[in-house]
Amino acid sequence: MPLNPRITEWQGRRVWLIGASTGIGRAVAHALHARGAHVIVSARNQAALDEFVAQHVGSQSVALDVTDRAAVADAAKLLQVDAPLDLVCFCAGHYKPMRADAMNLDELLRHQHINYSGALHVVAAVVPSMLQAANHGDTPHICLVASVAGLRGLPQSLAYGPTKAALINLAETLFLDLRRKGVAV
């Protein structure tokens, strides 16, 4: 079975980037806007989202905390009322260095809630509509941004690494389940 079809033409594509206030998410949002995509940015930091929208005419923002399952579902519904999303990219992430000899359960769980459960909230909210779009001939894409920290244990990555390993496994499983149905992962 072939890999995912590449998106080569971004003009007019509807792209939702979650975790786009800084870092990789912000850079991808900027790059896709420059290529003509209709970019929708989400994150918890409303001021950063407002700044992005002010600098990127035609983009829009939806403030969002990925740990809030209902808010993610509501945002996904709102963004798909008029047209399907061509790409949903989960870039949200939390990192705080941690070693086993200084374990903090609350911080471990915070990593899990943002980095992994947040991704599950997004995937659950968009897959049904993406399957519908695929049934109508579209090829929607889901992107989950992980890290090399998910490939093997790294120093100070006790909280972060396992969540990124879970994202990698989730993406691989989604790819196997959805590619035959027309949804790229």
N, C-alpha and C. Protein backbone atom coordinates (compact mmCIF):
# COMPACT_ATOMS: atom_id res chain seq x y z
N MET A 1 0.86 -1.18 0.00
CA MET A 1 0.00 0.00 0.00
C MET A 1 0.90 1.23 0.00
N PRO A 2 0.62 2.22 -0.85
CA PRO A 2 1.47 3.41 -0.94
C PRO A 2 1.37 4.27 0.33
N LEU A 3 2.33 5.13 0.47
CA LEU A 3 2.29 6.09 1.56
C LEU A 3 1.23 7.14 1.27
N ASN A 4 1.07 8.08 2.16
CA ASN A 4 0.07 9.12 1.99
C ASN A 4 0.33 9.96 0.75
N PRO A 5 -0.74 10.38 0.07
CA PRO A 5 -0.54 11.32 -1.03
C PRO A 5 -0.06 12.66 -0.48
N ARG A 6 0.89 13.26 -1.18
CA ARG A 6 1.43 14.55 -0.77
C ARG A 6 0.48 15.68 -1.14
N ILE A 7 0.40 16.67 -0.29
CA ILE A 7 -0.31 17.89 -0.65
C ILE A 7 0.73 18.79 -1.29
N THR A 8 0.56 19.04 -2.57
CA THR A 8 1.52 19.89 -3.28
C THR A 8 0.96 21.29 -3.54
N GLU A 9 -0.33 21.42 -3.56
CA GLU A 9 -0.98 22.71 -3.80
C GLU A 9 -1.74 23.11 -2.53
N TRP A 10 -1.31 24.19 -1.91
CA TRP A 10 -1.90 24.63 -0.64
C TRP A 10 -2.93 25.74 -0.82
N GLN A 11 -2.98 26.35 -1.99
CA GLN A 11 -3.90 27.47 -2.23
C GLN A 11 -5.33 27.06 -1.88
N GLY A 12 -5.94 27.79 -0.93
CA GLY A 12 -7.33 27.54 -0.56
C GLY A 12 -7.56 26.35 0.36
N ARG A 13 -6.54 25.59 0.68
CA ARG A 13 -6.72 24.45 1.60
C ARG A 13 -7.04 24.98 2.99
N ARG A 14 -7.93 24.30 3.66
CA ARG A 14 -8.30 24.68 5.04
C ARG A 14 -7.47 23.86 6.01
N VAL A 15 -6.64 24.55 6.78
CA VAL A 15 -5.66 23.92 7.66
C VAL A 15 -5.88 24.40 9.09
N TRP A 16 -6.03 23.46 10.01
CA TRP A 16 -6.18 23.77 11.43
C TRP A 16 -4.93 23.31 12.16
N LEU A 17 -4.19 24.26 12.69
CA LEU A 17 -2.96 23.97 13.44
C LEU A 17 -3.21 24.22 14.92
N ILE A 18 -3.08 23.18 15.70
CA ILE A 18 -3.35 23.23 17.13
C ILE A 18 -2.02 23.22 17.87
N GLY A 19 -1.80 24.25 18.66
CA GLY A 19 -0.50 24.43 19.30
C GLY A 19 0.34 25.37 18.46
N ALA A 20 -0.30 26.40 17.93
CA ALA A 20 0.35 27.28 16.95
C ALA A 20 0.76 28.63 17.52
N SER A 21 0.84 28.74 18.83
CA SER A 21 1.24 30.04 19.39
C SER A 21 2.75 30.24 19.36
N THR A 22 3.51 29.15 19.34
CA THR A 22 4.97 29.22 19.32
C THR A 22 5.53 28.01 18.57
N GLY A 23 6.83 28.00 18.40
CA GLY A 23 7.57 26.82 17.95
C GLY A 23 7.16 26.27 16.60
N ILE A 24 7.15 24.96 16.51
CA ILE A 24 6.86 24.25 15.26
C ILE A 24 5.49 24.63 14.72
N GLY A 25 4.49 24.66 15.59
CA GLY A 25 3.14 24.99 15.14
C GLY A 25 3.05 26.36 14.50
N ARG A 26 3.67 27.33 15.13
CA ARG A 26 3.66 28.71 14.60
C ARG A 26 4.41 28.77 13.26
N ALA A 27 5.55 28.09 13.18
CA ALA A 27 6.35 28.09 11.95
C ALA A 27 5.59 27.42 10.80
N VAL A 28 4.91 26.32 11.09
CA VAL A 28 4.14 25.64 10.05
C VAL A 28 2.97 26.52 9.61
N ALA A 29 2.31 27.15 10.56
CA ALA A 29 1.20 28.06 10.22
C ALA A 29 1.67 29.17 9.30
N HIS A 30 2.80 29.76 9.63
CA HIS A 30 3.37 30.82 8.79
C HIS A 30 3.69 30.30 7.38
N ALA A 31 4.33 29.15 7.31
CA ALA A 31 4.73 28.59 6.01
C ALA A 31 3.52 28.24 5.15
N LEU A 32 2.50 27.65 5.74
CA LEU A 32 1.33 27.26 4.94
C LEU A 32 0.50 28.49 4.53
N HIS A 33 0.45 29.50 5.39
CA HIS A 33 -0.22 30.74 5.00
C HIS A 33 0.49 31.36 3.80
N ALA A 34 1.81 31.34 3.82
CA ALA A 34 2.60 31.90 2.71
C ALA A 34 2.35 31.14 1.41
N ARG A 35 1.94 29.88 1.51
CA ARG A 35 1.66 29.06 0.33
C ARG A 35 0.19 29.14 -0.10
N GLY A 36 -0.59 29.99 0.59
CA GLY A 36 -1.97 30.21 0.18
C GLY A 36 -3.03 29.44 0.93
N ALA A 37 -2.64 28.71 1.95
CA ALA A 37 -3.64 27.97 2.73
C ALA A 37 -4.46 28.92 3.58
N HIS A 38 -5.71 28.54 3.82
CA HIS A 38 -6.54 29.25 4.81
C HIS A 38 -6.18 28.62 6.16
N VAL A 39 -5.43 29.35 6.96
CA VAL A 39 -4.87 28.83 8.20
C VAL A 39 -5.74 29.23 9.39
N ILE A 40 -6.05 28.23 10.21
CA ILE A 40 -6.76 28.44 11.47
C ILE A 40 -5.79 28.00 12.56
N VAL A 41 -5.48 28.91 13.47
CA VAL A 41 -4.54 28.61 14.54
C VAL A 41 -5.27 28.49 15.87
N SER A 42 -4.83 27.53 16.66
CA SER A 42 -5.38 27.34 18.00
C SER A 42 -4.27 27.13 19.00
N ALA A 43 -4.51 27.60 20.19
CA ALA A 43 -3.62 27.42 21.34
C ALA A 43 -4.34 28.05 22.53
N ARG A 44 -3.73 27.95 23.69
CA ARG A 44 -4.31 28.58 24.87
C ARG A 44 -4.00 30.07 24.92
N ASN A 45 -2.92 30.50 24.30
CA ASN A 45 -2.44 31.88 24.39
C ASN A 45 -3.15 32.77 23.36
N GLN A 46 -4.23 33.41 23.79
CA GLN A 46 -5.03 34.24 22.89
C GLN A 46 -4.22 35.39 22.31
N ALA A 47 -3.36 36.01 23.11
CA ALA A 47 -2.56 37.14 22.62
C ALA A 47 -1.65 36.71 21.47
N ALA A 48 -1.04 35.54 21.58
CA ALA A 48 -0.17 35.05 20.50
C ALA A 48 -1.00 34.74 19.25
N LEU A 49 -2.19 34.21 19.44
CA LEU A 49 -3.07 33.93 18.30
C LEU A 49 -3.49 35.23 17.61
N ASP A 50 -3.85 36.22 18.41
CA ASP A 50 -4.25 37.52 17.86
C ASP A 50 -3.10 38.14 17.06
N GLU A 51 -1.89 38.02 17.58
CA GLU A 51 -0.72 38.54 16.88
C GLU A 51 -0.52 37.83 15.54
N PHE A 52 -0.70 36.51 15.54
CA PHE A 52 -0.55 35.76 14.29
C PHE A 52 -1.58 36.22 13.27
N VAL A 53 -2.83 36.31 13.67
CA VAL A 53 -3.90 36.71 12.76
C VAL A 53 -3.66 38.12 12.22
N ALA A 54 -3.17 39.02 13.06
CA ALA A 54 -2.88 40.39 12.62
C ALA A 54 -1.77 40.41 11.57
N GLN A 55 -0.85 39.49 11.65
CA GLN A 55 0.28 39.44 10.72
C GLN A 55 0.00 38.59 9.47
N HIS A 56 -1.07 37.82 9.48
CA HIS A 56 -1.38 36.88 8.39
C HIS A 56 -2.84 37.08 7.95
N VAL A 57 -3.02 38.01 7.05
CA VAL A 57 -4.35 38.39 6.59
C VAL A 57 -5.10 37.17 6.06
N GLY A 58 -6.35 37.03 6.51
CA GLY A 58 -7.19 35.93 6.07
C GLY A 58 -7.15 34.72 6.98
N SER A 59 -6.21 34.69 7.91
CA SER A 59 -6.16 33.57 8.85
C SER A 59 -7.18 33.83 9.95
N GLN A 60 -7.44 32.82 10.73
CA GLN A 60 -8.35 32.99 11.86
C GLN A 60 -7.82 32.21 13.05
N SER A 61 -8.37 32.51 14.21
CA SER A 61 -7.93 31.83 15.42
C SER A 61 -9.12 31.33 16.22
N VAL A 62 -8.86 30.26 16.95
CA VAL A 62 -9.82 29.70 17.89
C VAL A 62 -9.01 29.33 19.13
N ALA A 63 -9.18 30.10 20.21
CA ALA A 63 -8.46 29.78 21.45
C ALA A 63 -8.95 28.43 21.95
N LEU A 64 -8.00 27.63 22.44
CA LEU A 64 -8.35 26.25 22.78
C LEU A 64 -7.36 25.66 23.75
N ASP A 65 -7.87 24.95 24.73
CA ASP A 65 -7.07 24.14 25.64
C ASP A 65 -7.35 22.68 25.27
N VAL A 66 -6.35 21.99 24.75
CA VAL A 66 -6.57 20.63 24.25
C VAL A 66 -6.95 19.64 25.34
N THR A 67 -6.75 20.01 26.61
CA THR A 67 -7.15 19.10 27.69
C THR A 67 -8.65 19.15 27.95
N ASP A 68 -9.34 20.11 27.35
CA ASP A 68 -10.78 20.27 27.51
C ASP A 68 -11.49 19.57 26.35
N ARG A 69 -11.90 18.35 26.59
CA ARG A 69 -12.49 17.50 25.55
C ARG A 69 -13.69 18.16 24.87
N ALA A 70 -14.58 18.73 25.66
CA ALA A 70 -15.78 19.36 25.09
C ALA A 70 -15.41 20.58 24.24
N ALA A 71 -14.44 21.36 24.68
CA ALA A 71 -14.02 22.54 23.91
C ALA A 71 -13.41 22.12 22.58
N VAL A 72 -12.63 21.04 22.58
CA VAL A 72 -12.05 20.55 21.33
C VAL A 72 -13.16 20.10 20.39
N ALA A 73 -14.11 19.36 20.89
CA ALA A 73 -15.22 18.88 20.06
C ALA A 73 -16.02 20.06 19.50
N ASP A 74 -16.28 21.06 20.33
CA ASP A 74 -17.02 22.24 19.88
C ASP A 74 -16.25 23.00 18.80
N ALA A 75 -14.95 23.17 18.99
CA ALA A 75 -14.12 23.88 18.00
C ALA A 75 -14.11 23.12 16.68
N ALA A 76 -13.97 21.81 16.74
CA ALA A 76 -13.95 21.00 15.51
C ALA A 76 -15.28 21.14 14.76
N LYS A 77 -16.38 21.09 15.48
CA LYS A 77 -17.69 21.27 14.83
C LYS A 77 -17.80 22.64 14.18
N LEU A 78 -17.44 23.66 14.93
CA LEU A 78 -17.52 25.04 14.43
C LEU A 78 -16.69 25.22 13.16
N LEU A 79 -15.49 24.66 13.14
CA LEU A 79 -14.59 24.85 12.00
C LEU A 79 -15.00 24.04 10.77
N GLN A 80 -15.91 23.10 10.93
CA GLN A 80 -16.29 22.26 9.81
C GLN A 80 -17.73 22.50 9.35
N VAL A 81 -18.34 23.57 9.83
CA VAL A 81 -19.72 23.88 9.45
C VAL A 81 -19.83 24.18 7.96
N ASP A 82 -18.98 25.05 7.45
CA ASP A 82 -19.08 25.49 6.06
C ASP A 82 -18.33 24.61 5.07
N ALA A 83 -17.23 24.01 5.50
CA ALA A 83 -16.41 23.19 4.60
C ALA A 83 -15.53 22.26 5.43
N PRO A 84 -15.14 21.14 4.84
CA PRO A 84 -14.27 20.22 5.58
C PRO A 84 -12.87 20.80 5.73
N LEU A 85 -12.15 20.28 6.71
CA LEU A 85 -10.75 20.64 6.91
C LEU A 85 -9.88 19.72 6.05
N ASP A 86 -8.92 20.31 5.37
CA ASP A 86 -8.01 19.51 4.54
C ASP A 86 -6.87 18.91 5.35
N LEU A 87 -6.45 19.62 6.40
CA LEU A 87 -5.37 19.17 7.26
C LEU A 87 -5.63 19.63 8.68
N VAL A 88 -5.51 18.70 9.60
CA VAL A 88 -5.52 19.03 11.02
C VAL A 88 -4.17 18.59 11.56
N CYS A 89 -3.44 19.55 12.11
CA CYS A 89 -2.08 19.28 12.58
C CYS A 89 -2.00 19.56 14.08
N PHE A 90 -1.75 18.52 14.86
CA PHE A 90 -1.64 18.63 16.31
C PHE A 90 -0.18 18.87 16.67
N CYS A 91 0.12 20.10 17.06
CA CYS A 91 1.48 20.50 17.46
C CYS A 91 1.55 20.86 18.93
N ALA A 92 0.43 20.79 19.63
CA ALA A 92 0.43 21.17 21.04
C ALA A 92 1.38 20.29 21.81
N GLY A 93 2.08 20.89 22.73
CA GLY A 93 3.01 20.10 23.52
C GLY A 93 3.46 20.81 24.77
N HIS A 94 3.83 20.01 25.73
CA HIS A 94 4.34 20.53 26.99
C HIS A 94 5.62 19.77 27.32
N TYR A 95 6.65 20.50 27.75
CA TYR A 95 7.90 19.87 28.13
C TYR A 95 8.47 20.52 29.37
N LYS A 96 8.75 19.70 30.34
CA LYS A 96 9.48 20.13 31.53
C LYS A 96 10.46 19.01 31.83
N PRO A 97 11.76 19.32 31.90
CA PRO A 97 12.74 18.27 32.17
C PRO A 97 12.44 17.55 33.49
N MET A 98 12.62 16.24 33.46
CA MET A 98 12.39 15.46 34.68
C MET A 98 13.25 14.21 34.66
N ARG A 99 13.79 13.89 35.82
CA ARG A 99 14.54 12.66 36.01
C ARG A 99 13.80 11.78 37.02
N ALA A 100 14.08 10.50 36.99
CA ALA A 100 13.40 9.55 37.86
C ALA A 100 13.68 9.82 39.34
N ASP A 101 14.83 10.39 39.65
CA ASP A 101 15.14 10.66 41.06
C ASP A 101 14.50 11.96 41.57
N ALA A 102 13.78 12.64 40.70
CA ALA A 102 13.04 13.85 41.07
C ALA A 102 11.64 13.80 40.45
N MET A 103 11.03 12.65 40.54
CA MET A 103 9.73 12.41 39.90
C MET A 103 8.63 13.26 40.54
N ASN A 104 7.79 13.82 39.68
CA ASN A 104 6.66 14.63 40.11
C ASN A 104 5.44 14.10 39.37
N LEU A 105 4.58 13.39 40.08
CA LEU A 105 3.43 12.75 39.44
C LEU A 105 2.50 13.76 38.78
N ASP A 106 2.27 14.89 39.42
CA ASP A 106 1.39 15.90 38.81
C ASP A 106 1.95 16.37 37.47
N GLU A 107 3.26 16.57 37.40
CA GLU A 107 3.89 17.01 36.16
C GLU A 107 3.88 15.89 35.12
N LEU A 108 4.08 14.65 35.53
CA LEU A 108 3.97 13.51 34.61
C LEU A 108 2.58 13.48 33.97
N LEU A 109 1.57 13.65 34.80
CA LEU A 109 0.19 13.61 34.30
C LEU A 109 -0.13 14.83 33.43
N ARG A 110 0.44 15.97 33.75
CA ARG A 110 0.23 17.16 32.91
C ARG A 110 0.75 16.90 31.50
N HIS A 111 1.94 16.31 31.39
CA HIS A 111 2.47 15.93 30.08
C HIS A 111 1.50 15.00 29.35
N GLN A 112 1.00 14.02 30.07
CA GLN A 112 0.07 13.07 29.46
C GLN A 112 -1.20 13.76 28.98
N HIS A 113 -1.75 14.64 29.81
CA HIS A 113 -3.01 15.30 29.45
C HIS A 113 -2.87 16.20 28.23
N ILE A 114 -1.76 16.93 28.15
CA ILE A 114 -1.57 17.84 27.01
C ILE A 114 -1.07 17.09 25.79
N ASN A 115 0.02 16.37 25.94
CA ASN A 115 0.71 15.78 24.78
C ASN A 115 0.00 14.58 24.18
N TYR A 116 -0.68 13.79 25.00
CA TYR A 116 -1.32 12.59 24.44
C TYR A 116 -2.84 12.67 24.49
N SER A 117 -3.41 12.90 25.67
CA SER A 117 -4.87 12.97 25.74
C SER A 117 -5.40 14.10 24.87
N GLY A 118 -4.68 15.21 24.81
CA GLY A 118 -5.08 16.31 23.93
C GLY A 118 -5.17 15.86 22.48
N ALA A 119 -4.19 15.07 22.05
CA ALA A 119 -4.21 14.54 20.69
C ALA A 119 -5.41 13.62 20.49
N LEU A 120 -5.71 12.80 21.49
CA LEU A 120 -6.89 11.93 21.38
C LEU A 120 -8.17 12.74 21.25
N HIS A 121 -8.26 13.83 22.00
CA HIS A 121 -9.45 14.70 21.90
C HIS A 121 -9.60 15.23 20.48
N VAL A 122 -8.50 15.65 19.89
CA VAL A 122 -8.53 16.20 18.53
C VAL A 122 -8.88 15.11 17.52
N VAL A 123 -8.22 13.99 17.59
CA VAL A 123 -8.46 12.90 16.65
C VAL A 123 -9.93 12.45 16.71
N ALA A 124 -10.44 12.25 17.91
CA ALA A 124 -11.83 11.82 18.06
C ALA A 124 -12.80 12.85 17.49
N ALA A 125 -12.43 14.12 17.57
CA ALA A 125 -13.31 15.19 17.10
C ALA A 125 -13.30 15.35 15.58
N VAL A 126 -12.22 14.95 14.91
CA VAL A 126 -12.13 15.22 13.46
C VAL A 126 -12.24 13.98 12.57
N VAL A 127 -11.95 12.81 13.08
CA VAL A 127 -11.95 11.62 12.21
C VAL A 127 -13.32 11.36 11.58
N PRO A 128 -14.44 11.42 12.30
CA PRO A 128 -15.72 11.14 11.64
C PRO A 128 -15.99 12.05 10.42
N SER A 129 -15.73 13.34 10.55
CA SER A 129 -15.98 14.25 9.42
C SER A 129 -14.95 14.02 8.31
N MET A 130 -13.74 13.64 8.67
CA MET A 130 -12.73 13.35 7.64
C MET A 130 -13.10 12.10 6.86
N LEU A 131 -13.66 11.13 7.53
CA LEU A 131 -14.13 9.93 6.81
C LEU A 131 -15.26 10.29 5.85
N GLN A 132 -16.14 11.18 6.27
CA GLN A 132 -17.21 11.65 5.37
C GLN A 132 -16.62 12.36 4.17
N ALA A 133 -15.65 13.24 4.40
CA ALA A 133 -15.01 13.98 3.30
C ALA A 133 -14.33 13.00 2.34
N ALA A 134 -13.68 11.99 2.89
CA ALA A 134 -13.02 10.99 2.05
C ALA A 134 -14.04 10.22 1.21
N ASN A 135 -15.22 9.99 1.76
CA ASN A 135 -16.28 9.31 1.00
C ASN A 135 -16.77 10.16 -0.17
N HIS A 136 -16.53 11.46 -0.10
CA HIS A 136 -16.91 12.38 -1.18
C HIS A 136 -15.74 12.70 -2.10
N GLY A 137 -14.65 11.95 -2.00
CA GLY A 137 -13.54 12.11 -2.92
C GLY A 137 -12.39 12.97 -2.44
N ASP A 138 -12.52 13.59 -1.28
CA ASP A 138 -11.42 14.39 -0.73
C ASP A 138 -10.39 13.47 -0.08
N THR A 139 -9.21 14.00 0.18
CA THR A 139 -8.19 13.26 0.93
C THR A 139 -7.72 14.13 2.09
N PRO A 140 -8.47 14.12 3.18
CA PRO A 140 -8.06 14.90 4.34
C PRO A 140 -6.84 14.28 5.00
N HIS A 141 -6.08 15.12 5.69
CA HIS A 141 -4.85 14.68 6.36
C HIS A 141 -4.90 15.01 7.85
N ILE A 142 -4.37 14.10 8.65
CA ILE A 142 -4.14 14.32 10.08
C ILE A 142 -2.64 14.25 10.30
N CYS A 143 -2.12 15.20 11.06
CA CYS A 143 -0.69 15.23 11.37
C CYS A 143 -0.53 15.32 12.89
N LEU A 144 0.25 14.43 13.45
CA LEU A 144 0.55 14.45 14.88
C LEU A 144 2.05 14.69 15.02
N VAL A 145 2.43 15.80 15.60
CA VAL A 145 3.85 16.13 15.75
C VAL A 145 4.37 15.48 17.03
N ALA A 146 5.33 14.58 16.86
CA ALA A 146 5.93 13.88 17.99
C ALA A 146 7.35 14.42 18.20
N SER A 147 8.28 13.54 18.48
CA SER A 147 9.64 13.97 18.78
C SER A 147 10.57 12.76 18.75
N VAL A 148 11.84 13.02 18.53
CA VAL A 148 12.82 11.94 18.64
C VAL A 148 12.83 11.39 20.07
N ALA A 149 12.36 12.18 21.02
CA ALA A 149 12.28 11.71 22.41
C ALA A 149 11.30 10.55 22.55
N GLY A 150 10.44 10.35 21.56
CA GLY A 150 9.51 9.23 21.59
C GLY A 150 10.09 7.95 21.02
N LEU A 151 11.26 8.03 20.41
CA LEU A 151 11.88 6.86 19.81
C LEU A 151 12.70 6.05 20.79
N ARG A 152 13.25 6.72 21.80
CA ARG A 152 14.05 6.02 22.82
C ARG A 152 14.17 6.92 24.04
N GLY A 153 14.52 6.35 25.14
CA GLY A 153 14.70 7.13 26.35
C GLY A 153 15.83 8.13 26.21
N LEU A 154 15.60 9.34 26.68
CA LEU A 154 16.60 10.40 26.66
C LEU A 154 16.72 10.99 28.06
N PRO A 155 17.87 11.55 28.40
CA PRO A 155 18.03 12.19 29.70
C PRO A 155 16.99 13.28 29.93
N GLN A 156 16.49 13.35 31.11
CA GLN A 156 15.52 14.35 31.56
C GLN A 156 14.20 14.30 30.79
N SER A 157 13.90 13.17 30.18
CA SER A 157 12.70 13.05 29.36
C SER A 157 11.69 12.07 29.95
N LEU A 158 11.74 11.88 31.26
CA LEU A 158 10.86 10.93 31.92
C LEU A 158 9.38 11.24 31.68
N ALA A 159 9.01 12.51 31.70
CA ALA A 159 7.61 12.89 31.51
C ALA A 159 7.26 13.06 30.03
N TYR A 160 8.16 13.64 29.27
CA TYR A 160 7.90 14.00 27.88
C TYR A 160 8.00 12.80 26.92
N GLY A 161 9.06 12.05 27.02
CA GLY A 161 9.33 10.96 26.07
C GLY A 161 8.20 9.96 25.93
N PRO A 162 7.66 9.42 27.02
CA PRO A 162 6.58 8.44 26.88
C PRO A 162 5.35 8.99 26.16
N THR A 163 5.06 10.30 26.34
CA THR A 163 3.89 10.86 25.65
C THR A 163 4.15 10.96 24.15
N LYS A 164 5.38 11.23 23.77
CA LYS A 164 5.71 11.32 22.35
C LYS A 164 5.79 9.93 21.73
N ALA A 165 6.21 8.92 22.51
CA ALA A 165 6.17 7.54 22.03
C ALA A 165 4.73 7.12 21.77
N ALA A 166 3.84 7.52 22.66
CA ALA A 166 2.41 7.22 22.46
C ALA A 166 1.88 7.88 21.20
N LEU A 167 2.30 9.12 20.93
CA LEU A 167 1.86 9.81 19.71
C LEU A 167 2.35 9.09 18.46
N ILE A 168 3.59 8.64 18.49
CA ILE A 168 4.13 7.91 17.33
C ILE A 168 3.32 6.65 17.09
N ASN A 169 3.05 5.89 18.13
CA ASN A 169 2.27 4.67 18.00
C ASN A 169 0.85 4.99 17.52
N LEU A 170 0.26 6.03 18.06
CA LEU A 170 -1.08 6.44 17.64
C LEU A 170 -1.10 6.77 16.15
N ALA A 171 -0.12 7.56 15.70
CA ALA A 171 -0.06 7.93 14.28
C ALA A 171 0.11 6.71 13.39
N GLU A 172 0.98 5.78 13.79
CA GLU A 172 1.20 4.57 12.99
C GLU A 172 -0.08 3.74 12.90
N THR A 173 -0.79 3.63 14.01
CA THR A 173 -2.03 2.85 14.02
C THR A 173 -3.12 3.54 13.21
N LEU A 174 -3.25 4.85 13.37
CA LEU A 174 -4.23 5.60 12.57
C LEU A 174 -3.93 5.46 11.08
N PHE A 175 -2.66 5.54 10.72
CA PHE A 175 -2.26 5.38 9.32
C PHE A 175 -2.76 4.04 8.78
N LEU A 176 -2.51 2.98 9.52
CA LEU A 176 -2.92 1.65 9.06
C LEU A 176 -4.44 1.52 8.97
N ASP A 177 -5.15 2.12 9.91
CA ASP A 177 -6.61 2.03 9.92
C ASP A 177 -7.30 2.93 8.90
N LEU A 178 -6.72 4.10 8.63
CA LEU A 178 -7.43 5.10 7.84
C LEU A 178 -6.99 5.23 6.38
N ARG A 179 -5.80 4.77 6.04
CA ARG A 179 -5.31 4.99 4.67
C ARG A 179 -6.20 4.33 3.62
N ARG A 180 -6.73 3.18 3.91
CA ARG A 180 -7.61 2.50 2.94
C ARG A 180 -8.97 3.18 2.82
N LYS A 181 -9.26 4.03 3.80
CA LYS A 181 -10.54 4.75 3.81
C LYS A 181 -10.39 6.17 3.25
N GLY A 182 -9.18 6.53 2.82
CA GLY A 182 -8.98 7.81 2.16
C GLY A 182 -8.54 8.95 3.05
N VAL A 183 -8.20 8.68 4.32
CA VAL A 183 -7.71 9.71 5.23
C VAL A 183 -6.23 9.47 5.43
N ALA A 184 -5.43 10.48 5.15
CA ALA A 184 -3.98 10.36 5.28
C ALA A 184 -3.56 10.75 6.71
N VAL A 185 -2.57 10.05 7.21
CA VAL A 185 -2.03 10.34 8.55
C VAL A 185 -0.54 10.45 8.44
